[in-house]
Amino acid sequence: MKQIPAPFWTLILGIAVTLISLWVGQNHNLLPVQASEQAPLVDDLFNVMMTIGTALFIVVQGAIVYSLIRFRQPKGDDTDGLPIEGNLPLEAFWTAIPAVIVVGLGLYSVVVFQEMGGFSPGGHHGHGAMVAMAPQESLIDVAPLLAQGLDDDTVFGKTQVYGFGASPLVQMNQPDVTVNVTGMQFAWIFRYPDTGITDGELHIPVGKDVQLKIEAQDVIHSFWVPQFRLKQDALPGEPGELRFVATREGTYPVVCAELCGSYHGAMRTQVIVHSPEDYADWVASRVAEATPTTTVAQPIEKATDAEYLAEIAPDLARSPVQIAQTGLVNH
């Protein structure tokens, strides 16, 4: 029987490793659900890294297992192995491939970073405000923008809209919802400046442009929603911004991803993504709760003793029963 050539086996094994790696890279189920428009950008990069990592794992571990079996010491053989000292082509090969992979992943990550606006002005420590791009059709008039000195990449083809930071084109990209987020040991506080609502949970409508203005009251915190694939540090005295669009209704955890003290692990809350109708109902109910009720004054001669005393001494921290018990009941 004619022996099968080694190049043929190499081709077959290469195809098998490639197919397995591609399948694992797309079906690993290691990430939570995608719940924002920015999530696919991060997930695509992760899937590529997972594919490459799977291929490297199979090749390296496969070579080890093959060597253990193929070159194992025969029973009763106590002699030394062959004195092999290096193989320059092999060493160059296994050095060049990882180098190419690392450079390729680095370039890809830079592309993703740029697509999310990572090199835009703003953001913490001058790292840049990370904002995703919208298509050229969303532009109305670029002349005023060019007059402001914005570069061509900002104006033509891609308008910076979402991500880690506010868009520099503020007038063109006003958010639908703005929320002021404050991190403190060990809780998150959410304030809605347009309605005066304050809550311990973040409520937002699905499919709407949401702008978070994030800051810390005491120490460094980090606002992280895994399902949105977005994270932003909360620094004392240095406000940060996070802009996104939620794409899936539901309740998702908000996690502090920066060690901030002894109860850091308990610094959790949740973001609730409503339908537009449910969000409007929630806002209306919270505004109604915060609206003080109006009491119609009644003639003083028709008031009870306790009501009369409460009327003339509104600052007394007493209930009508306590006031009546003082004995001052005659008027």
Protein backbone atom coordinates (compact mmCIF):
# COMPACT_ATOMS: atom_id res chain seq x y z
CA MET A 1 0.00 0.00 0.00
CA LYS A 2 1.41 3.32 -1.07
CA GLN A 3 2.14 5.71 1.80
CA ILE A 4 0.09 8.94 1.84
CA PRO A 5 2.37 11.97 1.34
CA ALA A 6 2.96 14.20 4.36
CA PRO A 7 1.85 17.39 2.53
CA PHE A 8 -1.56 15.78 1.95
CA TRP A 9 -1.96 15.01 5.67
CA THR A 10 -0.84 18.54 6.47
CA LEU A 11 -3.51 19.94 4.13
CA ILE A 12 -6.24 17.73 5.61
CA LEU A 13 -5.26 18.62 9.19
CA GLY A 14 -5.07 22.31 8.29
CA ILE A 15 -8.58 22.26 6.84
CA ALA A 16 -9.91 20.39 9.89
CA VAL A 17 -8.27 22.81 12.33
CA THR A 18 -9.60 25.79 10.36
CA LEU A 19 -13.18 24.49 10.29
CA ILE A 20 -13.17 23.60 13.98
CA SER A 21 -11.70 26.95 14.94
CA LEU A 22 -14.22 28.88 12.85
CA TRP A 23 -17.09 26.96 14.41
CA VAL A 24 -15.83 27.50 17.95
CA GLY A 25 -15.19 31.18 17.24
CA GLN A 26 -18.82 31.71 16.26
CA ASN A 27 -20.49 29.32 18.73
CA HIS A 28 -18.56 29.65 22.00
CA ASN A 29 -21.52 31.23 23.87
CA LEU A 30 -19.14 32.92 26.30
CA LEU A 31 -20.58 36.42 25.94
CA PRO A 32 -23.85 37.77 27.36
CA VAL A 33 -26.62 38.89 25.04
CA GLN A 34 -26.05 41.91 22.84
CA ALA A 35 -28.23 44.74 24.10
CA SER A 36 -26.73 47.85 22.45
CA GLU A 37 -25.74 49.04 19.00
CA GLN A 38 -22.09 49.03 20.07
CA ALA A 39 -22.00 45.39 21.22
CA PRO A 40 -21.46 43.76 17.76
CA LEU A 41 -18.24 45.72 17.23
CA VAL A 42 -16.70 44.30 20.39
CA ASP A 43 -18.12 40.83 19.84
CA ASP A 44 -16.72 40.55 16.31
CA LEU A 45 -13.22 41.29 17.61
CA PHE A 46 -13.66 38.78 20.43
CA ASN A 47 -14.87 36.11 17.98
CA VAL A 48 -11.78 36.60 15.81
CA MET A 49 -9.52 36.24 18.85
CA MET A 50 -11.45 33.16 19.92
CA THR A 51 -11.03 31.62 16.46
CA ILE A 52 -7.29 32.24 16.41
CA GLY A 53 -6.87 31.07 20.00
CA THR A 54 -8.72 27.83 19.27
CA ALA A 55 -6.52 27.13 16.24
CA LEU A 56 -3.34 27.76 18.23
CA PHE A 57 -4.56 25.57 21.07
CA ILE A 58 -5.35 22.66 18.75
CA VAL A 59 -2.03 22.93 16.90
CA VAL A 60 0.14 23.24 20.02
CA GLN A 61 -1.67 20.63 22.10
CA GLY A 62 -1.96 18.35 19.09
CA ALA A 63 1.79 18.53 18.49
CA ILE A 64 2.44 17.71 22.14
CA VAL A 65 0.11 14.71 22.14
CA TYR A 66 1.54 13.47 18.83
CA SER A 67 5.09 13.76 20.16
CA LEU A 68 4.21 11.92 23.38
CA ILE A 69 2.87 9.00 21.37
CA ARG A 70 5.17 8.99 18.35
CA PHE A 71 8.45 9.51 20.20
CA ARG A 72 7.73 7.77 23.46
CA GLN A 73 10.52 5.66 24.96
CA PRO A 74 10.17 1.97 24.05
CA LYS A 75 9.82 -0.46 26.91
CA GLY A 76 13.24 -1.58 28.16
CA ASP A 77 15.12 1.21 26.33
CA ASP A 78 17.27 3.09 28.88
CA THR A 79 19.43 4.96 26.37
CA ASP A 80 19.52 8.73 26.02
CA GLY A 81 17.58 10.55 23.35
CA LEU A 82 19.13 12.18 20.30
CA PRO A 83 21.18 15.30 21.19
CA ILE A 84 19.16 17.77 19.08
CA GLU A 85 20.20 21.41 19.59
CA GLY A 86 17.73 23.77 17.98
CA ASN A 87 16.20 24.11 14.55
CA LEU A 88 16.51 27.60 13.08
CA PRO A 89 13.75 27.28 10.42
CA LEU A 90 11.33 25.87 13.00
CA GLU A 91 12.18 28.55 15.56
CA ALA A 92 11.78 31.29 12.95
CA PHE A 93 8.44 29.76 11.93
CA TRP A 94 6.96 29.62 15.42
CA THR A 95 8.21 33.14 16.15
CA ALA A 96 6.97 34.71 12.93
CA ILE A 97 3.44 33.32 13.11
CA PRO A 98 2.62 34.69 16.61
CA ALA A 99 4.20 38.01 15.62
CA VAL A 100 1.97 38.27 12.55
CA ILE A 101 -1.09 37.31 14.62
CA VAL A 102 -0.34 39.89 17.31
CA VAL A 103 0.23 42.65 14.76
CA GLY A 104 -2.95 41.71 12.89
CA LEU A 105 -5.08 41.69 16.04
CA GLY A 106 -3.53 44.98 17.09
CA LEU A 107 -4.45 46.61 13.80
CA TYR A 108 -7.96 45.17 13.95
CA SER A 109 -8.45 46.44 17.50
CA VAL A 110 -7.30 49.91 16.40
CA VAL A 111 -9.89 49.82 13.61
CA VAL A 112 -12.62 48.90 16.10
CA PHE A 113 -11.37 51.58 18.47
CA GLN A 114 -11.57 54.15 15.69
CA GLU A 115 -15.02 52.98 14.58
CA MET A 116 -16.15 53.62 18.14
CA GLY A 117 -14.57 57.06 18.01
CA GLY A 118 -11.58 56.28 20.20
CA PHE A 119 -9.37 58.96 18.68
CA SER A 120 -11.91 61.75 18.98
CA PRO A 121 -11.30 64.75 21.26
CA GLY A 122 -12.41 64.46 24.87
CA GLY A 123 -12.65 61.64 27.35
CA HIS A 124 -10.70 60.88 30.50
CA HIS A 125 -6.97 61.65 30.67
CA GLY A 126 -6.89 62.72 27.01
CA HIS A 127 -7.41 59.14 25.85
CA GLY A 128 -10.15 60.28 23.52
CA ALA A 129 -13.88 60.06 23.59
CA MET A 130 -14.98 56.74 22.21
CA VAL A 131 -17.97 57.27 19.96
CA ALA A 132 -19.36 55.04 17.23
CA MET A 133 -19.95 56.23 13.70
CA ALA A 134 -23.14 56.96 11.82
CA PRO A 135 -23.47 56.88 7.99
CA GLN A 136 -22.90 59.88 5.79
CA GLU A 137 -26.61 60.21 5.05
CA SER A 138 -27.15 61.58 8.54
CA LEU A 139 -25.19 64.74 7.71
CA ILE A 140 -27.14 67.87 6.82
CA ASP A 141 -24.67 70.68 6.28
CA VAL A 142 -20.93 70.13 6.62
CA ALA A 143 -19.79 73.65 5.82
CA PRO A 144 -20.22 74.98 9.39
CA LEU A 145 -18.36 71.95 10.70
CA LEU A 146 -15.40 72.50 8.39
CA ALA A 147 -15.40 76.13 9.44
CA GLN A 148 -14.95 74.94 13.03
CA GLY A 149 -11.76 73.15 12.02
CA LEU A 150 -13.04 69.56 12.20
CA ASP A 151 -11.07 67.09 10.10
CA ASP A 152 -12.43 65.44 6.96
CA ASP A 153 -12.74 62.01 8.61
CA THR A 154 -15.04 63.53 11.20
CA VAL A 155 -17.25 65.26 8.65
CA PHE A 156 -17.29 63.15 5.51
CA GLY A 157 -18.67 59.63 5.65
CA LYS A 158 -18.73 59.14 9.43
CA THR A 159 -20.35 61.30 12.06
CA GLN A 160 -19.26 60.57 15.61
CA VAL A 161 -22.39 59.77 17.56
CA TYR A 162 -22.08 57.12 20.26
CA GLY A 163 -19.67 55.50 22.67
CA PHE A 164 -17.29 56.52 25.44
CA GLY A 165 -17.75 60.25 25.37
CA ALA A 166 -19.97 62.96 23.99
CA SER A 167 -19.96 63.70 20.30
CA PRO A 168 -17.99 66.82 19.33
CA LEU A 169 -20.88 67.59 16.97
CA VAL A 170 -23.14 68.38 19.90
CA GLN A 171 -25.60 70.57 18.06
CA MET A 172 -26.24 67.91 15.42
CA ASN A 173 -26.49 65.00 17.80
CA GLN A 174 -28.59 65.94 20.79
CA PRO A 175 -29.45 62.81 22.81
CA ASP A 176 -33.02 61.71 23.40
CA VAL A 177 -32.38 61.06 27.10
CA THR A 178 -29.74 62.56 29.38
CA VAL A 179 -28.94 61.06 32.78
CA ASN A 180 -26.46 62.29 35.38
CA VAL A 181 -24.77 59.30 37.03
CA THR A 182 -23.00 59.57 40.38
CA GLY A 183 -20.92 56.76 41.83
CA MET A 184 -20.34 56.65 45.57
CA GLN A 185 -19.35 54.06 48.13
CA PHE A 186 -21.23 51.85 47.45
CA ALA A 187 -24.14 52.81 45.20
CA TRP A 188 -25.08 54.42 41.90
CA ILE A 189 -27.42 57.42 41.81
CA PHE A 190 -29.20 58.38 38.57
CA ARG A 191 -30.63 61.87 38.09
CA TYR A 192 -32.74 62.95 35.12
CA PRO A 193 -32.22 66.71 34.74
CA ASP A 194 -35.12 67.17 32.32
CA THR A 195 -37.69 65.78 34.76
CA GLY A 196 -36.08 66.07 38.19
CA ILE A 197 -36.32 62.31 38.77
CA THR A 198 -33.74 60.68 41.04
CA ASP A 199 -33.50 56.90 41.20
CA GLY A 200 -31.22 54.09 42.28
CA GLU A 201 -31.83 52.25 38.99
CA LEU A 202 -31.22 53.40 35.44
CA HIS A 203 -34.38 53.48 33.32
CA ILE A 204 -34.04 54.10 29.58
CA PRO A 205 -36.16 53.58 26.44
CA VAL A 206 -35.15 51.03 23.84
CA GLY A 207 -33.92 52.37 20.51
CA LYS A 208 -33.26 55.88 21.84
CA ASP A 209 -30.02 57.83 22.05
CA VAL A 210 -29.01 57.92 25.73
CA GLN A 211 -26.29 60.20 27.14
CA LEU A 212 -24.82 59.42 30.56
CA LYS A 213 -22.75 62.04 32.37
CA ILE A 214 -20.72 60.05 34.87
CA GLU A 215 -18.78 61.24 37.90
CA ALA A 216 -17.67 59.93 41.29
CA GLN A 217 -18.37 61.48 44.65
CA ASP A 218 -15.52 59.93 46.63
CA VAL A 219 -13.13 57.43 45.01
CA ILE A 220 -12.66 56.00 41.51
CA HIS A 221 -15.50 53.78 40.33
CA SER A 222 -16.22 52.21 36.94
CA PHE A 223 -19.66 52.06 35.33
CA TRP A 224 -20.00 48.80 33.40
CA VAL A 225 -22.95 47.15 31.67
CA PRO A 226 -21.67 43.83 30.22
CA GLN A 227 -24.64 43.42 27.86
CA PHE A 228 -23.89 46.83 26.33
CA ARG A 229 -20.13 46.06 26.05
CA LEU A 230 -19.50 49.54 27.41
CA LYS A 231 -17.52 50.65 30.42
CA GLN A 232 -16.53 54.09 31.65
CA ASP A 233 -14.52 55.17 34.67
CA ALA A 234 -16.16 57.50 37.19
CA LEU A 235 -13.49 59.87 38.50
CA PRO A 236 -13.85 62.41 41.33
CA GLY A 237 -13.82 65.92 39.93
CA GLU A 238 -13.52 64.80 36.31
CA PRO A 239 -16.87 64.06 34.62
CA GLY A 240 -16.94 61.39 31.95
CA GLU A 241 -19.55 60.62 29.33
CA LEU A 242 -21.06 57.50 27.85
CA ARG A 243 -23.45 57.49 24.92
CA PHE A 244 -25.28 54.50 23.53
CA VAL A 245 -28.49 53.06 22.09
CA ALA A 246 -30.07 50.04 23.77
CA THR A 247 -31.51 47.52 21.32
CA ARG A 248 -33.18 44.95 23.56
CA GLU A 249 -35.78 45.40 26.28
CA GLY A 250 -34.97 43.82 29.61
CA THR A 251 -33.17 44.25 32.90
CA TYR A 252 -29.37 44.15 32.92
CA PRO A 253 -26.81 44.47 35.74
CA VAL A 254 -24.78 47.62 36.31
CA VAL A 255 -21.46 46.62 37.86
CA CYS A 256 -18.68 48.69 39.41
CA ALA A 257 -15.55 47.36 37.70
CA GLU A 258 -13.03 49.32 39.78
CA LEU A 259 -12.00 48.20 43.26
CA CYS A 260 -13.46 51.00 45.38
CA GLY A 261 -13.52 49.71 48.93
CA SER A 262 -14.53 46.91 51.24
CA TYR A 263 -18.06 46.59 49.79
CA HIS A 264 -16.99 46.97 46.15
CA GLY A 265 -18.49 43.60 45.24
CA ALA A 266 -21.92 44.73 46.43
CA MET A 267 -21.90 47.96 44.41
CA ARG A 268 -24.45 46.81 41.90
CA THR A 269 -27.71 48.04 40.50
CA GLN A 270 -29.52 47.50 37.20
CA VAL A 271 -30.47 49.21 34.00
CA ILE A 272 -34.05 48.63 32.90
CA VAL A 273 -34.67 49.05 29.18
CA HIS A 274 -38.34 49.88 28.56
CA SER A 275 -40.39 50.11 25.44
CA PRO A 276 -40.97 53.79 24.55
CA GLU A 277 -44.52 53.55 25.86
CA ASP A 278 -43.53 51.92 29.15
CA TYR A 279 -40.72 54.43 29.61
CA ALA A 280 -43.15 57.32 29.13
CA ASP A 281 -45.47 55.73 31.71
CA TRP A 282 -42.57 55.32 34.14
CA VAL A 283 -41.54 58.96 33.75
CA ALA A 284 -45.12 60.13 34.21
CA SER A 285 -45.58 58.03 37.35
CA ARG A 286 -42.33 59.26 38.91
CA VAL A 287 -43.10 62.88 38.10
CA ALA A 288 -46.56 62.44 39.62
CA GLU A 289 -45.03 60.97 42.77
CA ALA A 290 -42.73 63.95 43.11
CA THR A 291 -45.50 66.53 42.55
CA PRO A 292 -46.74 67.89 45.89
CA THR A 293 -50.46 67.58 46.50
CA THR A 294 -52.51 70.74 46.97
CA THR A 295 -54.76 70.97 50.04
CA VAL A 296 -57.80 73.24 49.88
CA ALA A 297 -57.87 75.48 52.93
CA GLN A 298 -61.04 75.40 54.99
CA PRO A 299 -62.47 78.24 57.05
CA ILE A 300 -60.78 78.55 60.41
CA GLU A 301 -64.05 78.51 62.27
CA LYS A 302 -64.88 75.08 60.85
CA ALA A 303 -61.52 73.57 61.73
CA THR A 304 -61.05 71.09 64.54
CA ASP A 305 -58.83 71.96 67.48
CA ALA A 306 -55.92 69.95 66.12
CA GLU A 307 -56.33 71.45 62.63
CA TYR A 308 -56.40 74.95 64.06
CA LEU A 309 -53.19 74.42 66.01
CA ALA A 310 -51.53 72.78 63.01
CA GLU A 311 -52.49 75.81 60.92
CA ILE A 312 -50.94 78.37 63.27
CA ALA A 313 -47.87 76.28 64.07
CA PRO A 314 -46.93 74.51 60.83
CA ASP A 315 -43.34 74.01 61.88
CA LEU A 316 -44.17 72.01 64.99
CA ALA A 317 -43.02 68.41 64.46
CA ARG A 318 -46.15 66.98 66.05
CA SER A 319 -49.07 65.02 64.78
CA PRO A 320 -52.62 66.32 65.36
CA VAL A 321 -53.02 63.82 68.17
CA GLN A 322 -49.85 65.05 69.90
CA ILE A 323 -50.94 68.67 69.50
CA ALA A 324 -54.32 67.92 70.98
CA GLN A 325 -52.68 66.20 73.92
CA THR A 326 -50.87 69.42 74.91
CA GLY A 327 -54.13 70.78 76.24
CA LEU A 328 -54.13 73.77 73.88
CA VAL A 329 -57.46 72.89 72.38
CA ASN A 330 -59.50 75.99 72.98
CA HIS A 331 -59.51 78.80 70.55
